[in-house]
Amino acid sequence: MKYSVLSGFLAVTLFASGGVMAQPTVQAGFSPEGSALQLVLNTIVTAQQSIRLMGYSFTSPEVTRALIQAKQRGIDVRVVLDWKANSAKGSSGVAAMNLLANAGIPVRTVSQFKIMHDKVIITDGRNVETGSFNYSRAAANSNSENALVIRDYPALADTYLKHWQSRWEMGRDWLTTY
């Protein structure tokens, strides 16, 4: 029922906008069952031009590896993360951010909020992954989480890109510690 309500909302929104575009598709995944992480990774792997990620906790080796591989494929990858959740000396967050930065991926951290709790990936200016799923081991293996991917919905992606850009602009460049 929830899926059909969301699909109906997307259809009405597209019809009302008067634009002709591909029909958006929606997929949901959950953890710890494994489908949330698979949706996140698929979102990254299928990107053809750009990836913009913003997140709170960032410790997932799988997500880190997928972003680096995307960069190596020529995808424009940029990441903005919560400073407090990822910057403790010797933490997995620091290690993950260092790996990204050392691979040539621009990383910025934001400290202006109590927490920057966004968990979003925008790809190719048309696809959005969001939900409760942190890009972390705990989210994939221990927590009850969800991930939602909306594909082929440029207006929604643009809304998220504007939000991403506002956080990017207030962020500070992450300088690797090794």
N, C-alpha and C. Protein backbone atom coordinates (compact mmCIF):
# COMPACT_ATOMS: atom_id res chain seq x y z
N MET A 1 0.82 -1.19 0.00
CA MET A 1 0.00 0.00 0.00
C MET A 1 0.87 1.26 0.00
N LYS A 2 1.89 1.28 0.87
CA LYS A 2 2.76 2.45 0.92
C LYS A 2 3.44 2.67 -0.42
N TYR A 3 3.88 1.57 -1.07
CA TYR A 3 4.55 1.69 -2.35
C TYR A 3 3.61 2.29 -3.39
N SER A 4 2.34 1.83 -3.40
CA SER A 4 1.40 2.34 -4.40
C SER A 4 1.05 3.80 -4.13
N VAL A 5 0.99 4.21 -2.87
CA VAL A 5 0.72 5.62 -2.56
C VAL A 5 1.88 6.48 -3.05
N LEU A 6 3.12 6.04 -2.79
CA LEU A 6 4.28 6.79 -3.25
C LEU A 6 4.33 6.83 -4.77
N SER A 7 4.07 5.71 -5.42
CA SER A 7 4.07 5.69 -6.88
C SER A 7 3.00 6.62 -7.43
N GLY A 8 1.82 6.62 -6.81
CA GLY A 8 0.75 7.52 -7.23
C GLY A 8 1.14 8.97 -7.07
N PHE A 9 1.80 9.29 -5.96
CA PHE A 9 2.26 10.66 -5.72
C PHE A 9 3.24 11.08 -6.81
N LEU A 10 4.19 10.20 -7.14
CA LEU A 10 5.16 10.53 -8.17
C LEU A 10 4.48 10.74 -9.52
N ALA A 11 3.52 9.90 -9.84
CA ALA A 11 2.81 10.02 -11.12
C ALA A 11 2.03 11.33 -11.19
N VAL A 12 1.34 11.67 -10.11
CA VAL A 12 0.57 12.92 -10.08
C VAL A 12 1.51 14.11 -10.20
N THR A 13 2.63 14.07 -9.49
CA THR A 13 3.59 15.16 -9.55
C THR A 13 4.12 15.34 -10.96
N LEU A 14 4.45 14.26 -11.64
CA LEU A 14 4.95 14.36 -13.00
C LEU A 14 3.89 14.86 -13.95
N PHE A 15 2.66 14.37 -13.80
CA PHE A 15 1.57 14.80 -14.67
C PHE A 15 1.32 16.29 -14.48
N ALA A 16 1.30 16.74 -13.23
CA ALA A 16 1.03 18.14 -12.93
C ALA A 16 2.13 19.05 -13.46
N SER A 17 3.36 18.56 -13.52
CA SER A 17 4.45 19.40 -13.99
C SER A 17 4.40 19.61 -15.50
N GLY A 18 3.67 18.76 -16.21
CA GLY A 18 3.54 18.91 -17.65
C GLY A 18 4.75 18.42 -18.42
N GLY A 19 5.78 17.95 -17.72
CA GLY A 19 6.99 17.49 -18.39
C GLY A 19 6.83 16.08 -18.92
N VAL A 20 7.55 15.81 -19.98
CA VAL A 20 7.58 14.46 -20.51
C VAL A 20 8.94 13.90 -20.15
N MET A 21 8.92 12.84 -19.38
CA MET A 21 10.17 12.22 -18.96
C MET A 21 9.92 10.76 -18.68
N ALA A 22 10.99 10.04 -18.45
CA ALA A 22 10.86 8.63 -18.09
C ALA A 22 10.08 8.52 -16.80
N GLN A 23 9.28 7.48 -16.71
CA GLN A 23 8.51 7.24 -15.49
C GLN A 23 9.48 6.89 -14.36
N PRO A 24 9.42 7.61 -13.25
CA PRO A 24 10.30 7.28 -12.12
C PRO A 24 10.03 5.87 -11.61
N THR A 25 11.07 5.26 -11.09
CA THR A 25 10.93 3.98 -10.42
C THR A 25 11.38 4.14 -8.98
N VAL A 26 10.80 3.34 -8.11
CA VAL A 26 11.10 3.41 -6.68
C VAL A 26 11.44 2.01 -6.19
N GLN A 27 12.52 1.92 -5.42
CA GLN A 27 12.90 0.66 -4.79
C GLN A 27 13.20 0.92 -3.33
N ALA A 28 12.84 -0.02 -2.47
CA ALA A 28 13.14 0.08 -1.05
C ALA A 28 13.96 -1.13 -0.63
N GLY A 29 14.89 -0.89 0.29
CA GLY A 29 15.70 -1.97 0.84
C GLY A 29 15.82 -1.80 2.34
N PHE A 30 16.17 -2.89 3.00
CA PHE A 30 16.19 -2.89 4.46
C PHE A 30 17.43 -3.61 4.98
N SER A 31 17.83 -3.23 6.17
CA SER A 31 18.90 -3.94 6.84
C SER A 31 18.43 -4.26 8.26
N PRO A 32 18.98 -5.28 8.85
CA PRO A 32 20.20 -5.97 8.45
C PRO A 32 20.01 -7.06 7.39
N GLU A 33 18.84 -7.13 6.76
CA GLU A 33 18.59 -8.18 5.77
C GLU A 33 19.52 -8.12 4.57
N GLY A 34 20.11 -6.96 4.30
CA GLY A 34 21.09 -6.84 3.22
C GLY A 34 20.63 -6.06 2.01
N SER A 35 19.34 -5.88 1.85
CA SER A 35 18.88 -5.20 0.63
C SER A 35 19.15 -3.70 0.65
N ALA A 36 19.27 -3.08 1.83
CA ALA A 36 19.57 -1.64 1.89
C ALA A 36 20.98 -1.38 1.35
N LEU A 37 21.95 -2.13 1.83
CA LEU A 37 23.32 -1.95 1.36
C LEU A 37 23.40 -2.22 -0.14
N GLN A 38 22.72 -3.24 -0.62
CA GLN A 38 22.76 -3.55 -2.05
C GLN A 38 22.18 -2.40 -2.89
N LEU A 39 21.11 -1.77 -2.42
CA LEU A 39 20.56 -0.61 -3.14
C LEU A 39 21.55 0.55 -3.17
N VAL A 40 22.19 0.81 -2.04
CA VAL A 40 23.19 1.88 -1.98
C VAL A 40 24.32 1.60 -2.96
N LEU A 41 24.85 0.40 -2.91
CA LEU A 41 25.96 0.05 -3.81
C LEU A 41 25.53 0.10 -5.27
N ASN A 42 24.34 -0.38 -5.58
CA ASN A 42 23.84 -0.33 -6.95
C ASN A 42 23.69 1.11 -7.43
N THR A 43 23.26 2.00 -6.55
CA THR A 43 23.14 3.41 -6.90
C THR A 43 24.49 3.98 -7.31
N ILE A 44 25.52 3.62 -6.58
CA ILE A 44 26.88 4.10 -6.88
C ILE A 44 27.41 3.46 -8.16
N VAL A 45 27.27 2.16 -8.27
CA VAL A 45 27.82 1.42 -9.42
C VAL A 45 27.18 1.83 -10.74
N THR A 46 25.91 2.19 -10.72
CA THR A 46 25.21 2.53 -11.96
C THR A 46 25.35 4.00 -12.34
N ALA A 47 26.00 4.81 -11.52
CA ALA A 47 26.20 6.22 -11.87
C ALA A 47 27.05 6.32 -13.13
N GLN A 48 26.68 7.26 -14.00
CA GLN A 48 27.39 7.42 -15.27
C GLN A 48 28.15 8.73 -15.37
N GLN A 49 27.78 9.74 -14.56
CA GLN A 49 28.44 11.04 -14.66
C GLN A 49 28.86 11.59 -13.31
N SER A 50 27.95 11.58 -12.33
CA SER A 50 28.25 12.25 -11.06
C SER A 50 27.61 11.53 -9.88
N ILE A 51 28.30 11.65 -8.74
CA ILE A 51 27.80 11.15 -7.46
C ILE A 51 28.03 12.24 -6.43
N ARG A 52 26.96 12.59 -5.73
CA ARG A 52 27.05 13.53 -4.61
C ARG A 52 26.50 12.80 -3.40
N LEU A 53 27.35 12.58 -2.41
CA LEU A 53 26.95 11.87 -1.20
C LEU A 53 27.04 12.80 -0.02
N MET A 54 26.04 12.74 0.85
CA MET A 54 26.14 13.41 2.14
C MET A 54 25.69 12.43 3.20
N GLY A 55 26.44 12.40 4.31
CA GLY A 55 26.13 11.40 5.30
C GLY A 55 26.53 11.79 6.70
N TYR A 56 26.02 11.02 7.62
CA TYR A 56 26.32 11.20 9.04
C TYR A 56 27.48 10.29 9.42
N SER A 57 27.22 9.03 9.62
CA SER A 57 28.28 8.07 9.96
C SER A 57 28.79 7.44 8.66
N PHE A 58 30.11 7.47 8.48
CA PHE A 58 30.69 6.97 7.23
C PHE A 58 31.85 6.03 7.54
N THR A 59 31.54 4.75 7.68
CA THR A 59 32.57 3.76 8.01
C THR A 59 32.48 2.51 7.14
N SER A 60 31.62 2.50 6.16
CA SER A 60 31.39 1.30 5.36
C SER A 60 32.53 1.05 4.37
N PRO A 61 33.24 -0.07 4.52
CA PRO A 61 34.28 -0.37 3.54
C PRO A 61 33.70 -0.59 2.14
N GLU A 62 32.51 -1.17 2.06
CA GLU A 62 31.89 -1.44 0.76
C GLU A 62 31.54 -0.14 0.04
N VAL A 63 30.97 0.82 0.76
CA VAL A 63 30.60 2.10 0.15
C VAL A 63 31.86 2.87 -0.22
N THR A 64 32.85 2.87 0.66
CA THR A 64 34.12 3.55 0.38
C THR A 64 34.74 2.98 -0.89
N ARG A 65 34.81 1.67 -0.98
CA ARG A 65 35.39 1.00 -2.15
C ARG A 65 34.60 1.33 -3.42
N ALA A 66 33.29 1.31 -3.34
CA ALA A 66 32.45 1.60 -4.52
C ALA A 66 32.65 3.03 -5.00
N LEU A 67 32.78 3.98 -4.08
CA LEU A 67 33.02 5.37 -4.47
C LEU A 67 34.38 5.53 -5.14
N ILE A 68 35.39 4.87 -4.60
CA ILE A 68 36.73 4.93 -5.21
C ILE A 68 36.71 4.30 -6.60
N GLN A 69 36.04 3.19 -6.75
CA GLN A 69 35.93 2.55 -8.07
C GLN A 69 35.18 3.45 -9.05
N ALA A 70 34.15 4.15 -8.58
CA ALA A 70 33.43 5.09 -9.44
C ALA A 70 34.37 6.20 -9.90
N LYS A 71 35.15 6.74 -9.00
CA LYS A 71 36.13 7.78 -9.35
C LYS A 71 37.09 7.25 -10.41
N GLN A 72 37.55 6.02 -10.24
CA GLN A 72 38.48 5.41 -11.19
C GLN A 72 37.83 5.19 -12.56
N ARG A 73 36.49 5.07 -12.60
CA ARG A 73 35.76 4.95 -13.87
C ARG A 73 35.55 6.30 -14.53
N GLY A 74 35.96 7.38 -13.88
CA GLY A 74 35.81 8.71 -14.43
C GLY A 74 34.58 9.46 -13.95
N ILE A 75 33.90 8.93 -12.96
CA ILE A 75 32.71 9.58 -12.40
C ILE A 75 33.16 10.73 -11.50
N ASP A 76 32.48 11.86 -11.57
CA ASP A 76 32.74 13.01 -10.70
C ASP A 76 32.10 12.73 -9.34
N VAL A 77 32.92 12.42 -8.34
CA VAL A 77 32.45 12.03 -7.01
C VAL A 77 32.84 13.11 -6.00
N ARG A 78 31.88 13.53 -5.18
CA ARG A 78 32.13 14.47 -4.09
C ARG A 78 31.33 14.02 -2.88
N VAL A 79 31.93 14.20 -1.70
CA VAL A 79 31.34 13.69 -0.47
C VAL A 79 31.38 14.78 0.60
N VAL A 80 30.27 14.96 1.30
CA VAL A 80 30.22 15.86 2.45
C VAL A 80 29.65 15.09 3.64
N LEU A 81 30.36 15.16 4.78
CA LEU A 81 30.03 14.34 5.94
C LEU A 81 29.98 15.16 7.22
N ASP A 82 29.30 14.61 8.20
CA ASP A 82 29.28 15.22 9.52
C ASP A 82 30.67 15.11 10.15
N TRP A 83 31.18 16.22 10.66
CA TRP A 83 32.52 16.24 11.23
C TRP A 83 32.58 15.44 12.52
N LYS A 84 31.65 15.68 13.42
CA LYS A 84 31.71 15.05 14.74
C LYS A 84 31.61 13.53 14.67
N ALA A 85 30.80 13.02 13.78
CA ALA A 85 30.59 11.57 13.70
C ALA A 85 31.75 10.83 13.05
N ASN A 86 32.65 11.55 12.40
CA ASN A 86 33.68 10.88 11.59
C ASN A 86 35.12 11.28 11.88
N SER A 87 35.35 12.23 12.77
CA SER A 87 36.70 12.81 12.86
C SER A 87 37.51 12.38 14.08
N ALA A 88 37.01 11.48 14.91
CA ALA A 88 37.78 11.06 16.08
C ALA A 88 39.08 10.39 15.64
N LYS A 89 40.18 10.81 16.24
CA LYS A 89 41.49 10.28 15.87
C LYS A 89 41.50 8.76 15.95
N GLY A 90 41.97 8.13 14.88
CA GLY A 90 42.06 6.68 14.83
C GLY A 90 40.76 5.97 14.52
N SER A 91 39.72 6.72 14.20
CA SER A 91 38.40 6.12 13.96
C SER A 91 38.28 5.55 12.55
N SER A 92 37.28 4.70 12.37
CA SER A 92 36.97 4.16 11.04
C SER A 92 36.53 5.27 10.10
N GLY A 93 35.87 6.30 10.63
CA GLY A 93 35.45 7.43 9.81
C GLY A 93 36.64 8.17 9.23
N VAL A 94 37.66 8.41 10.05
CA VAL A 94 38.88 9.06 9.57
C VAL A 94 39.54 8.20 8.50
N ALA A 95 39.62 6.90 8.75
CA ALA A 95 40.23 6.00 7.77
C ALA A 95 39.49 6.04 6.44
N ALA A 96 38.16 6.01 6.49
CA ALA A 96 37.36 6.04 5.26
C ALA A 96 37.54 7.36 4.52
N MET A 97 37.51 8.48 5.26
CA MET A 97 37.69 9.78 4.61
C MET A 97 39.08 9.90 4.02
N ASN A 98 40.09 9.39 4.71
CA ASN A 98 41.45 9.41 4.16
C ASN A 98 41.54 8.60 2.87
N LEU A 99 40.93 7.44 2.84
CA LEU A 99 40.94 6.62 1.62
C LEU A 99 40.32 7.38 0.45
N LEU A 100 39.16 8.02 0.69
CA LEU A 100 38.52 8.79 -0.37
C LEU A 100 39.42 9.92 -0.85
N ALA A 101 39.92 10.71 0.09
CA ALA A 101 40.74 11.87 -0.26
C ALA A 101 42.01 11.44 -0.98
N ASN A 102 42.63 10.37 -0.52
CA ASN A 102 43.85 9.88 -1.18
C ASN A 102 43.57 9.33 -2.57
N ALA A 103 42.32 8.98 -2.85
CA ALA A 103 41.93 8.52 -4.19
C ALA A 103 41.54 9.69 -5.10
N GLY A 104 41.65 10.91 -4.58
CA GLY A 104 41.33 12.09 -5.38
C GLY A 104 39.88 12.52 -5.31
N ILE A 105 39.14 11.99 -4.35
CA ILE A 105 37.73 12.37 -4.18
C ILE A 105 37.67 13.53 -3.19
N PRO A 106 37.12 14.68 -3.60
CA PRO A 106 36.97 15.79 -2.66
C PRO A 106 36.00 15.42 -1.53
N VAL A 107 36.46 15.62 -0.31
CA VAL A 107 35.66 15.34 0.88
C VAL A 107 35.64 16.60 1.73
N ARG A 108 34.47 16.96 2.20
CA ARG A 108 34.33 18.07 3.14
C ARG A 108 33.56 17.60 4.36
N THR A 109 33.85 18.24 5.49
CA THR A 109 33.12 17.94 6.71
C THR A 109 32.40 19.19 7.19
N VAL A 110 31.25 18.97 7.80
CA VAL A 110 30.40 20.06 8.29
C VAL A 110 30.28 19.93 9.80
N SER A 111 30.53 21.04 10.50
CA SER A 111 30.45 21.02 11.97
C SER A 111 29.49 22.07 12.52
N GLN A 112 28.76 22.76 11.66
CA GLN A 112 27.90 23.85 12.10
C GLN A 112 26.62 23.40 12.79
N PHE A 113 26.27 22.15 12.70
CA PHE A 113 25.03 21.64 13.29
C PHE A 113 25.36 20.73 14.46
N LYS A 114 24.38 20.54 15.34
CA LYS A 114 24.60 19.55 16.40
C LYS A 114 25.00 18.23 15.76
N ILE A 115 24.24 17.80 14.76
CA ILE A 115 24.65 16.71 13.87
C ILE A 115 24.12 17.02 12.47
N MET A 116 24.88 16.64 11.47
CA MET A 116 24.40 16.69 10.09
C MET A 116 23.94 15.26 9.79
N HIS A 117 22.66 15.03 9.92
CA HIS A 117 22.11 13.68 9.93
C HIS A 117 21.59 13.22 8.57
N ASP A 118 21.89 13.97 7.52
CA ASP A 118 21.46 13.59 6.17
C ASP A 118 22.15 12.30 5.73
N LYS A 119 21.41 11.51 4.99
CA LYS A 119 21.95 10.29 4.37
C LYS A 119 21.39 10.23 2.97
N VAL A 120 22.14 10.76 2.02
CA VAL A 120 21.62 10.93 0.66
C VAL A 120 22.74 10.70 -0.35
N ILE A 121 22.38 10.05 -1.45
CA ILE A 121 23.25 9.98 -2.62
C ILE A 121 22.42 10.46 -3.81
N ILE A 122 22.96 11.41 -4.56
CA ILE A 122 22.32 11.90 -5.78
C ILE A 122 23.25 11.52 -6.94
N THR A 123 22.72 10.84 -7.94
CA THR A 123 23.55 10.46 -9.08
C THR A 123 22.98 11.02 -10.37
N ASP A 124 23.89 11.50 -11.20
CA ASP A 124 23.58 11.91 -12.58
C ASP A 124 22.48 12.97 -12.67
N GLY A 125 22.24 13.70 -11.58
CA GLY A 125 21.22 14.74 -11.59
C GLY A 125 19.81 14.23 -11.79
N ARG A 126 19.58 12.91 -11.54
CA ARG A 126 18.24 12.36 -11.78
C ARG A 126 17.82 11.26 -10.82
N ASN A 127 18.73 10.77 -10.01
CA ASN A 127 18.43 9.65 -9.11
C ASN A 127 18.78 10.03 -7.67
N VAL A 128 17.97 9.57 -6.72
CA VAL A 128 18.19 9.89 -5.30
C VAL A 128 18.07 8.62 -4.48
N GLU A 129 19.06 8.39 -3.62
CA GLU A 129 18.98 7.36 -2.59
C GLU A 129 18.94 8.08 -1.26
N THR A 130 17.99 7.73 -0.41
CA THR A 130 17.86 8.35 0.91
C THR A 130 17.20 7.37 1.86
N GLY A 131 17.14 7.72 3.11
CA GLY A 131 16.52 6.87 4.12
C GLY A 131 17.27 6.96 5.42
N SER A 132 17.04 6.02 6.30
CA SER A 132 17.71 6.03 7.60
C SER A 132 19.10 5.40 7.54
N PHE A 133 19.43 4.74 6.44
CA PHE A 133 20.66 3.96 6.32
C PHE A 133 21.90 4.84 6.32
N ASN A 134 22.68 4.75 7.41
CA ASN A 134 24.00 5.39 7.44
C ASN A 134 24.94 4.55 6.59
N TYR A 135 25.97 5.18 6.07
CA TYR A 135 26.96 4.47 5.26
C TYR A 135 28.00 3.88 6.21
N SER A 136 27.55 2.90 7.00
CA SER A 136 28.37 2.35 8.08
C SER A 136 28.18 0.84 8.19
N ARG A 137 29.14 0.21 8.86
CA ARG A 137 29.04 -1.23 9.12
C ARG A 137 27.83 -1.53 9.99
N ALA A 138 27.61 -0.71 11.02
CA ALA A 138 26.48 -0.96 11.93
C ALA A 138 25.16 -0.90 11.18
N ALA A 139 25.01 0.06 10.27
CA ALA A 139 23.76 0.17 9.51
C ALA A 139 23.52 -1.07 8.67
N ALA A 140 24.58 -1.60 8.10
CA ALA A 140 24.44 -2.77 7.23
C ALA A 140 24.24 -4.06 8.01
N ASN A 141 24.89 -4.18 9.16
CA ASN A 141 24.94 -5.47 9.84
C ASN A 141 24.16 -5.59 11.14
N SER A 142 23.89 -4.48 11.82
CA SER A 142 23.32 -4.55 13.16
C SER A 142 22.00 -3.82 13.33
N ASN A 143 21.84 -2.71 12.65
CA ASN A 143 20.67 -1.85 12.86
C ASN A 143 19.51 -2.23 11.96
N SER A 144 18.32 -1.86 12.39
CA SER A 144 17.15 -1.92 11.52
C SER A 144 17.10 -0.59 10.77
N GLU A 145 17.32 -0.63 9.47
CA GLU A 145 17.44 0.58 8.64
C GLU A 145 16.65 0.41 7.35
N ASN A 146 16.49 1.52 6.64
CA ASN A 146 15.85 1.47 5.33
C ASN A 146 16.59 2.37 4.36
N ALA A 147 16.49 2.03 3.10
CA ALA A 147 17.03 2.84 2.00
C ALA A 147 15.97 2.88 0.91
N LEU A 148 15.79 4.05 0.35
CA LEU A 148 14.81 4.25 -0.72
C LEU A 148 15.54 4.87 -1.90
N VAL A 149 15.38 4.29 -3.08
CA VAL A 149 15.98 4.83 -4.29
C VAL A 149 14.88 5.23 -5.25
N ILE A 150 14.91 6.49 -5.68
CA ILE A 150 13.97 7.02 -6.66
C ILE A 150 14.80 7.34 -7.90
N ARG A 151 14.55 6.64 -8.98
CA ARG A 151 15.31 6.82 -10.22
C ARG A 151 14.49 7.60 -11.25
N ASP A 152 15.21 8.35 -12.07
CA ASP A 152 14.60 9.09 -13.19
C ASP A 152 13.59 10.12 -12.71
N TYR A 153 13.98 10.89 -11.71
CA TYR A 153 13.13 11.97 -11.19
C TYR A 153 14.00 13.22 -11.00
N PRO A 154 14.36 13.90 -12.11
CA PRO A 154 15.28 15.03 -12.05
C PRO A 154 14.83 16.17 -11.12
N ALA A 155 13.54 16.44 -11.03
CA ALA A 155 13.08 17.53 -10.16
C ALA A 155 13.39 17.22 -8.70
N LEU A 156 13.19 16.00 -8.29
CA LEU A 156 13.52 15.60 -6.92
C LEU A 156 15.04 15.64 -6.72
N ALA A 157 15.78 15.13 -7.68
CA ALA A 157 17.24 15.15 -7.58
C ALA A 157 17.75 16.58 -7.47
N ASP A 158 17.16 17.51 -8.20
CA ASP A 158 17.57 18.91 -8.14
C ASP A 158 17.33 19.49 -6.75
N THR A 159 16.21 19.15 -6.14
CA THR A 159 15.92 19.62 -4.78
C THR A 159 16.99 19.12 -3.82
N TYR A 160 17.34 17.85 -3.91
CA TYR A 160 18.38 17.29 -3.05
C TYR A 160 19.76 17.87 -3.38
N LEU A 161 20.03 18.11 -4.67
CA LEU A 161 21.32 18.70 -5.04
C LEU A 161 21.49 20.09 -4.45
N LYS A 162 20.43 20.87 -4.43
CA LYS A 162 20.51 22.21 -3.82
C LYS A 162 20.82 22.10 -2.33
N HIS A 163 20.18 21.16 -1.65
CA HIS A 163 20.47 20.96 -0.23
C HIS A 163 21.92 20.48 -0.06
N TRP A 164 22.34 19.52 -0.88
CA TRP A 164 23.72 19.02 -0.83
C TRP A 164 24.70 20.18 -1.02
N GLN A 165 24.44 21.02 -2.02
CA GLN A 165 25.34 22.14 -2.33
C GLN A 165 25.44 23.10 -1.16
N SER A 166 24.34 23.34 -0.46
CA SER A 166 24.38 24.26 0.69
C SER A 166 25.30 23.70 1.78
N ARG A 167 25.29 22.41 1.98
CA ARG A 167 26.17 21.80 2.99
C ARG A 167 27.61 21.74 2.49
N TRP A 168 27.79 21.49 1.21
CA TRP A 168 29.13 21.49 0.63
C TRP A 168 29.78 22.86 0.83
N GLU A 169 29.03 23.91 0.56
CA GLU A 169 29.57 25.27 0.67
C GLU A 169 29.96 25.64 2.09
N MET A 170 29.27 25.11 3.09
CA MET A 170 29.64 25.43 4.47
C MET A 170 30.69 24.47 5.02
N GLY A 171 31.01 23.42 4.28
CA GLY A 171 31.97 22.43 4.76
C GLY A 171 33.41 22.88 4.61
N ARG A 172 34.27 22.16 5.31
CA ARG A 172 35.72 22.38 5.22
C ARG A 172 36.35 21.17 4.54
N ASP A 173 37.32 21.46 3.68
CA ASP A 173 38.02 20.38 2.99
C ASP A 173 38.68 19.45 4.01
N TRP A 174 38.51 18.15 3.79
CA TRP A 174 39.17 17.15 4.63
C TRP A 174 40.59 16.99 4.12
N LEU A 175 41.54 17.18 5.01
CA LEU A 175 42.95 16.99 4.68
C LEU A 175 43.39 15.67 5.28
N THR A 176 43.92 14.79 4.45
CA THR A 176 44.26 13.45 4.93
C THR A 176 45.29 13.53 6.04
N THR A 177 45.18 12.57 6.94
CA THR A 177 46.12 12.49 8.07
C THR A 177 47.21 11.47 7.80
N TYR A 178 47.18 10.85 6.64
CA TYR A 178 48.28 9.96 6.21
C TYR A 178 48.25 9.84 4.71
